[in-house]
N, C-alpha and C. Protein backbone atom coordinates (compact mmCIF):
# COMPACT_ATOMS: atom_id res chain seq x y z
N MET A 1 37.49 150.82 160.25
CA MET A 1 37.22 152.18 159.85
C MET A 1 38.54 152.89 159.58
N ILE A 2 38.62 153.56 158.43
CA ILE A 2 39.79 154.34 158.04
C ILE A 2 39.30 155.76 157.81
N SER A 3 39.92 156.72 158.48
CA SER A 3 39.51 158.11 158.24
C SER A 3 40.73 159.02 158.22
N ARG A 4 40.66 160.01 157.35
CA ARG A 4 41.72 161.01 157.27
C ARG A 4 41.48 162.03 158.36
N ILE A 5 42.53 162.36 159.09
CA ILE A 5 42.46 163.38 160.14
C ILE A 5 42.73 164.73 159.48
N PRO A 6 41.76 165.64 159.47
CA PRO A 6 42.00 166.95 158.86
C PRO A 6 43.07 167.72 159.64
N SER A 7 43.81 168.54 158.93
CA SER A 7 44.91 169.28 159.58
C SER A 7 44.43 170.09 160.77
N TYR A 8 43.20 170.62 160.72
CA TYR A 8 42.71 171.43 161.84
C TYR A 8 42.40 170.60 163.09
N ASP A 9 42.36 169.26 162.98
CA ASP A 9 42.15 168.40 164.15
C ASP A 9 43.43 167.77 164.67
N VAL A 10 44.54 167.98 163.99
CA VAL A 10 45.79 167.33 164.36
C VAL A 10 46.22 167.69 165.78
N ASP A 11 46.17 168.96 166.15
CA ASP A 11 46.59 169.34 167.49
C ASP A 11 45.75 168.68 168.57
N LYS A 12 44.45 168.50 168.31
CA LYS A 12 43.57 167.86 169.29
C LYS A 12 43.90 166.38 169.48
N LEU A 13 44.36 165.73 168.41
CA LEU A 13 44.57 164.28 168.44
C LEU A 13 46.04 163.86 168.53
N TRP A 14 46.95 164.82 168.43
CA TRP A 14 48.38 164.50 168.34
C TRP A 14 48.85 163.62 169.49
N LEU A 15 48.53 163.98 170.72
CA LEU A 15 49.01 163.20 171.87
C LEU A 15 48.51 161.76 171.84
N SER A 16 47.28 161.55 171.41
CA SER A 16 46.74 160.19 171.38
C SER A 16 47.32 159.35 170.23
N LEU A 17 47.81 160.00 169.18
CA LEU A 17 48.36 159.28 168.03
C LEU A 17 49.89 159.31 167.97
N GLU A 18 50.48 160.07 168.85
CA GLU A 18 51.94 160.28 168.82
C GLU A 18 52.74 158.97 168.87
N GLU A 19 52.34 158.04 169.70
CA GLU A 19 53.08 156.78 169.82
C GLU A 19 53.05 156.00 168.51
N LEU A 20 51.89 155.94 167.86
CA LEU A 20 51.79 155.24 166.58
C LEU A 20 52.58 155.94 165.48
N ILE A 21 52.53 157.26 165.46
CA ILE A 21 53.28 158.01 164.45
C ILE A 21 54.78 157.79 164.66
N HIS A 22 55.21 157.83 165.91
CA HIS A 22 56.62 157.57 166.23
C HIS A 22 57.04 156.19 165.74
N LYS A 23 56.20 155.20 166.01
CA LYS A 23 56.50 153.83 165.57
C LYS A 23 56.60 153.77 164.04
N ALA A 24 55.74 154.49 163.35
CA ALA A 24 55.74 154.46 161.89
C ALA A 24 57.02 155.04 161.29
N ILE A 25 57.48 156.15 161.83
CA ILE A 25 58.63 156.83 161.21
C ILE A 25 59.98 156.35 161.73
N HIS A 26 59.98 155.57 162.80
CA HIS A 26 61.23 155.06 163.37
C HIS A 26 61.26 153.54 163.22
N ASN A 27 61.63 153.08 162.04
CA ASN A 27 61.71 151.66 161.75
C ASN A 27 63.16 151.34 161.42
N ARG A 28 63.77 150.48 162.19
CA ARG A 28 65.19 150.18 162.02
C ARG A 28 65.53 149.55 160.68
N ARG A 29 64.52 149.06 159.96
CA ARG A 29 64.77 148.43 158.65
C ARG A 29 64.91 149.44 157.52
N PHE A 30 64.54 150.69 157.78
CA PHE A 30 64.57 151.72 156.75
C PHE A 30 65.38 152.92 157.24
N THR A 31 65.93 153.67 156.30
CA THR A 31 66.63 154.90 156.64
C THR A 31 65.61 155.88 157.21
N GLU A 32 65.89 156.41 158.38
CA GLU A 32 64.99 157.38 158.98
C GLU A 32 65.19 158.74 158.32
N THR A 33 64.09 159.31 157.83
CA THR A 33 64.16 160.58 157.12
C THR A 33 63.34 161.68 157.78
N GLU A 34 62.45 161.33 158.69
CA GLU A 34 61.54 162.31 159.30
C GLU A 34 61.73 162.36 160.81
N THR A 35 61.34 163.48 161.37
CA THR A 35 61.26 163.63 162.82
C THR A 35 59.79 163.81 163.16
N MET A 36 59.46 163.69 164.43
CA MET A 36 58.08 163.92 164.84
C MET A 36 57.64 165.33 164.47
N GLU A 37 58.52 166.30 164.67
CA GLU A 37 58.16 167.68 164.36
C GLU A 37 58.01 167.92 162.87
N SER A 38 58.86 167.28 162.04
CA SER A 38 58.71 167.48 160.59
C SER A 38 57.41 166.87 160.09
N VAL A 39 57.01 165.73 160.65
CA VAL A 39 55.74 165.11 160.26
C VAL A 39 54.58 165.98 160.71
N ARG A 40 54.61 166.43 161.94
CA ARG A 40 53.52 167.27 162.47
C ARG A 40 53.38 168.54 161.62
N SER A 41 54.49 169.17 161.31
CA SER A 41 54.48 170.38 160.50
C SER A 41 53.92 170.11 159.10
N ALA A 42 54.34 169.02 158.49
CA ALA A 42 53.86 168.67 157.14
C ALA A 42 52.35 168.42 157.15
N ILE A 43 51.84 167.77 158.18
CA ILE A 43 50.40 167.51 158.27
C ILE A 43 49.65 168.82 158.48
N LEU A 44 50.14 169.64 159.39
CA LEU A 44 49.48 170.93 159.67
C LEU A 44 49.45 171.83 158.44
N ASN A 45 50.48 171.71 157.59
CA ASN A 45 50.56 172.54 156.38
C ASN A 45 49.94 171.86 155.15
N ASP A 46 49.25 170.75 155.38
CA ASP A 46 48.60 169.98 154.31
C ASP A 46 49.57 169.46 153.25
N ASN A 47 50.83 169.24 153.64
CA ASN A 47 51.80 168.63 152.75
C ASN A 47 51.89 167.12 152.95
N MET A 48 51.23 166.63 154.00
CA MET A 48 51.18 165.21 154.32
C MET A 48 49.80 164.94 154.89
N GLN A 49 49.32 163.72 154.67
CA GLN A 49 48.02 163.36 155.20
C GLN A 49 48.19 162.30 156.29
N LEU A 50 47.41 162.43 157.35
CA LEU A 50 47.41 161.48 158.46
C LEU A 50 46.08 160.73 158.43
N TRP A 51 46.18 159.41 158.41
CA TRP A 51 45.00 158.54 158.40
C TRP A 51 45.00 157.72 159.67
N TYR A 52 43.82 157.57 160.27
CA TYR A 52 43.66 156.77 161.48
C TYR A 52 42.84 155.54 161.12
N CYS A 53 43.29 154.39 161.59
CA CYS A 53 42.62 153.12 161.30
C CYS A 53 42.25 152.45 162.62
N THR A 54 41.04 151.92 162.71
CA THR A 54 40.66 151.19 163.91
C THR A 54 39.57 150.17 163.58
N ASP A 55 39.58 149.09 164.32
CA ASP A 55 38.49 148.12 164.24
C ASP A 55 37.83 148.00 165.61
N GLY A 56 38.12 148.95 166.50
CA GLY A 56 37.58 148.94 167.85
C GLY A 56 38.55 148.36 168.86
N GLU A 57 39.39 147.43 168.41
CA GLU A 57 40.40 146.83 169.29
C GLU A 57 41.81 147.21 168.88
N ASN A 58 42.05 147.23 167.59
CA ASN A 58 43.38 147.53 167.06
C ASN A 58 43.36 148.91 166.41
N ASN A 59 44.51 149.59 166.48
CA ASN A 59 44.62 150.94 165.93
C ASN A 59 45.86 151.04 165.06
N GLY A 60 45.80 151.93 164.09
CA GLY A 60 46.95 152.16 163.24
C GLY A 60 46.91 153.54 162.63
N VAL A 61 48.04 153.94 162.07
CA VAL A 61 48.13 155.21 161.34
C VAL A 61 48.81 154.96 160.01
N ILE A 62 48.47 155.80 159.06
CA ILE A 62 49.11 155.79 157.74
C ILE A 62 49.42 157.24 157.42
N LEU A 63 50.61 157.48 156.89
CA LEU A 63 51.02 158.82 156.47
C LEU A 63 51.24 158.80 154.96
N THR A 64 50.61 159.75 154.27
CA THR A 64 50.73 159.82 152.81
C THR A 64 51.13 161.21 152.38
N THR A 65 51.64 161.31 151.17
CA THR A 65 51.90 162.60 150.53
C THR A 65 51.47 162.51 149.08
N ILE A 66 51.13 163.66 148.52
CA ILE A 66 50.83 163.74 147.09
C ILE A 66 52.04 164.39 146.43
N SER A 67 52.65 163.67 145.50
CA SER A 67 53.82 164.17 144.78
C SER A 67 53.43 164.49 143.35
N VAL A 68 53.79 165.69 142.91
CA VAL A 68 53.47 166.14 141.56
C VAL A 68 54.75 166.11 140.73
N TYR A 69 54.70 165.38 139.63
CA TYR A 69 55.81 165.25 138.70
C TYR A 69 55.38 165.85 137.36
N PRO A 70 56.31 166.13 136.46
CA PRO A 70 55.94 166.72 135.18
C PRO A 70 54.92 165.88 134.39
N LYS A 71 54.99 164.55 134.52
CA LYS A 71 54.12 163.70 133.71
C LYS A 71 53.03 162.97 134.50
N THR A 72 53.05 163.08 135.83
CA THR A 72 52.04 162.37 136.61
C THR A 72 51.96 162.93 138.02
N LYS A 73 50.95 162.53 138.71
CA LYS A 73 50.73 162.90 140.11
C LYS A 73 50.51 161.59 140.87
N ILE A 74 51.24 161.39 141.97
CA ILE A 74 51.23 160.11 142.68
C ILE A 74 50.89 160.31 144.15
N LEU A 75 49.97 159.48 144.67
CA LEU A 75 49.74 159.43 146.10
C LEU A 75 50.73 158.42 146.65
N GLU A 76 51.63 158.87 147.51
CA GLU A 76 52.66 158.01 148.08
C GLU A 76 52.30 157.65 149.52
N VAL A 77 52.27 156.36 149.79
CA VAL A 77 52.07 155.86 151.14
C VAL A 77 53.47 155.78 151.75
N ASN A 78 53.78 156.73 152.63
CA ASN A 78 55.13 156.84 153.16
C ASN A 78 55.37 155.98 154.40
N TYR A 79 54.39 155.91 155.28
CA TYR A 79 54.57 155.19 156.54
C TYR A 79 53.26 154.58 156.98
N ALA A 80 53.37 153.45 157.69
CA ALA A 80 52.20 152.81 158.30
C ALA A 80 52.67 152.06 159.53
N ALA A 81 51.86 152.10 160.57
CA ALA A 81 52.19 151.37 161.79
C ALA A 81 50.91 151.14 162.58
N GLY A 82 50.94 150.11 163.39
CA GLY A 82 49.81 149.85 164.26
C GLY A 82 49.78 148.40 164.69
N SER A 83 48.78 148.06 165.47
CA SER A 83 48.61 146.68 165.90
C SER A 83 47.68 145.99 164.92
N ASN A 84 48.13 144.83 164.44
CA ASN A 84 47.38 144.05 163.45
C ASN A 84 46.93 144.89 162.27
N ILE A 85 47.84 145.73 161.77
CA ILE A 85 47.48 146.64 160.67
C ILE A 85 47.09 145.87 159.41
N GLU A 86 47.51 144.61 159.31
CA GLU A 86 47.10 143.80 158.17
C GLU A 86 45.57 143.72 158.09
N ASN A 87 44.89 143.80 159.25
CA ASN A 87 43.43 143.75 159.27
C ASN A 87 42.81 144.96 158.57
N PHE A 88 43.55 146.06 158.50
CA PHE A 88 43.04 147.28 157.88
C PHE A 88 43.51 147.40 156.43
N TYR A 89 44.36 146.49 156.00
CA TYR A 89 45.08 146.71 154.75
C TYR A 89 44.17 146.93 153.55
N LEU A 90 43.26 146.00 153.28
CA LEU A 90 42.46 146.12 152.07
C LEU A 90 41.57 147.35 152.10
N GLU A 91 40.93 147.62 153.24
CA GLU A 91 40.10 148.82 153.35
C GLU A 91 40.92 150.08 153.16
N SER A 92 42.10 150.13 153.78
CA SER A 92 42.93 151.34 153.65
C SER A 92 43.48 151.46 152.23
N TYR A 93 43.82 150.36 151.61
CA TYR A 93 44.31 150.36 150.23
C TYR A 93 43.26 150.98 149.30
N GLU A 94 42.02 150.53 149.43
CA GLU A 94 40.94 151.07 148.61
C GLU A 94 40.68 152.54 148.93
N LYS A 95 40.75 152.91 150.20
CA LYS A 95 40.55 154.31 150.61
C LYS A 95 41.65 155.19 150.04
N MET A 96 42.90 154.71 150.03
CA MET A 96 44.01 155.47 149.47
C MET A 96 43.81 155.66 147.96
N LYS A 97 43.40 154.61 147.27
CA LYS A 97 43.15 154.72 145.83
C LYS A 97 42.06 155.75 145.55
N GLN A 98 40.99 155.71 146.32
CA GLN A 98 39.88 156.66 146.15
C GLN A 98 40.35 158.09 146.41
N PHE A 99 41.10 158.30 147.49
CA PHE A 99 41.63 159.63 147.82
C PHE A 99 42.56 160.11 146.71
N GLY A 100 43.41 159.23 146.22
CA GLY A 100 44.31 159.58 145.13
C GLY A 100 43.54 160.03 143.89
N LYS A 101 42.54 159.25 143.50
CA LYS A 101 41.72 159.62 142.33
C LYS A 101 41.06 160.98 142.54
N GLU A 102 40.48 161.19 143.72
CA GLU A 102 39.80 162.45 144.01
C GLU A 102 40.74 163.65 143.94
N ASN A 103 42.04 163.40 144.11
CA ASN A 103 43.03 164.46 144.10
C ASN A 103 43.86 164.47 142.82
N GLY A 104 43.37 163.81 141.78
CA GLY A 104 44.01 163.86 140.48
C GLY A 104 45.24 162.99 140.34
N CYS A 105 45.47 162.07 141.27
CA CYS A 105 46.63 161.18 141.18
C CYS A 105 46.35 160.07 140.18
N LYS A 106 47.38 159.65 139.48
CA LYS A 106 47.26 158.58 138.49
C LYS A 106 47.80 157.26 139.01
N GLN A 107 48.63 157.33 140.06
CA GLN A 107 49.21 156.12 140.65
C GLN A 107 49.16 156.21 142.17
N LEU A 108 49.21 155.04 142.78
CA LEU A 108 49.40 154.88 144.21
C LEU A 108 50.75 154.22 144.37
N ARG A 109 51.59 154.75 145.24
CA ARG A 109 52.95 154.24 145.41
C ARG A 109 53.19 153.93 146.88
N GLY A 110 53.91 152.85 147.11
CA GLY A 110 54.29 152.49 148.46
C GLY A 110 55.60 151.75 148.46
N PHE A 111 56.07 151.46 149.63
CA PHE A 111 57.26 150.64 149.79
C PHE A 111 57.16 149.97 151.14
N GLY A 112 57.98 148.98 151.34
CA GLY A 112 57.95 148.28 152.62
C GLY A 112 58.52 146.89 152.49
N ARG A 113 58.23 146.10 153.48
CA ARG A 113 58.73 144.74 153.48
C ARG A 113 58.10 143.95 152.33
N ARG A 114 58.83 142.96 151.86
CA ARG A 114 58.37 142.13 150.74
C ARG A 114 57.00 141.51 151.02
N GLY A 115 56.70 141.18 152.26
CA GLY A 115 55.43 140.54 152.62
C GLY A 115 54.20 141.38 152.28
N TRP A 116 54.35 142.70 152.24
CA TRP A 116 53.20 143.55 151.92
C TRP A 116 52.73 143.34 150.48
N ILE A 117 53.65 142.95 149.59
CA ILE A 117 53.31 142.78 148.18
C ILE A 117 52.18 141.76 148.01
N LYS A 118 52.19 140.69 148.79
CA LYS A 118 51.15 139.66 148.63
C LYS A 118 49.76 140.17 149.00
N LEU A 119 49.67 141.27 149.73
CA LEU A 119 48.37 141.82 150.12
C LEU A 119 47.77 142.75 149.07
N ILE A 120 48.57 143.18 148.10
CA ILE A 120 48.09 144.14 147.09
C ILE A 120 47.23 143.39 146.07
N PRO A 121 45.94 143.72 145.96
CA PRO A 121 45.08 142.98 145.04
C PRO A 121 45.31 143.32 143.56
N ASP A 122 45.89 144.48 143.26
CA ASP A 122 46.21 144.82 141.88
C ASP A 122 47.60 144.30 141.57
N LYS A 123 47.97 144.35 140.31
CA LYS A 123 49.30 143.85 139.92
C LYS A 123 50.31 144.99 140.02
N PRO A 124 51.14 144.99 141.07
CA PRO A 124 52.13 146.07 141.20
C PRO A 124 53.33 145.85 140.28
N ARG A 125 53.92 146.96 139.86
CA ARG A 125 55.21 146.91 139.18
C ARG A 125 56.24 146.97 140.30
N ILE A 126 57.05 145.95 140.41
CA ILE A 126 57.95 145.85 141.55
C ILE A 126 59.34 146.37 141.17
N HIS A 127 59.78 147.36 141.89
CA HIS A 127 61.13 147.90 141.81
C HIS A 127 61.61 147.84 143.25
N LEU A 128 62.19 148.91 143.73
CA LEU A 128 62.40 149.04 145.16
C LEU A 128 61.13 149.57 145.82
N LEU A 129 60.27 150.14 144.99
CA LEU A 129 58.96 150.63 145.40
C LEU A 129 57.92 149.85 144.62
N TRP A 130 56.66 149.96 145.00
CA TRP A 130 55.59 149.44 144.16
C TRP A 130 54.68 150.57 143.72
N ASP A 131 54.23 150.46 142.48
CA ASP A 131 53.28 151.42 141.90
C ASP A 131 52.10 150.63 141.35
N VAL A 132 50.89 151.15 141.54
CA VAL A 132 49.72 150.63 140.84
C VAL A 132 48.99 151.81 140.24
N ASP A 133 48.39 151.60 139.07
CA ASP A 133 47.58 152.64 138.45
C ASP A 133 46.25 152.71 139.17
N ILE A 134 45.74 153.95 139.32
CA ILE A 134 44.43 154.11 139.97
C ILE A 134 43.48 154.84 139.06
């Protein structure tokens, strides 16, 4: 199950999701750009979306933003963390594409370790980031 946590529920759920969010934004393989407070503020102000993933045993979070450019609008998957998050990958990928479409986005964008590329069912354009049309 993948569900978006509405901004009005963030305060109620923050303590239970804080460890996963911390894990997502503090990855030694990437330059750290966010703090816990900046993420919380962005979610509360609807500038970032928080997604919760669970299969009953394993849990994960995904953080996304919608970026508006002069020629396109992109749903960016900024962070993901959890236990066995690969189990949620395809369902969350489809959910992100659907959310992006519903919000007028033309592409879904992500980045991460090279291994994630093999899980993307569409053909990504590979740069330092990946983009797929939605």
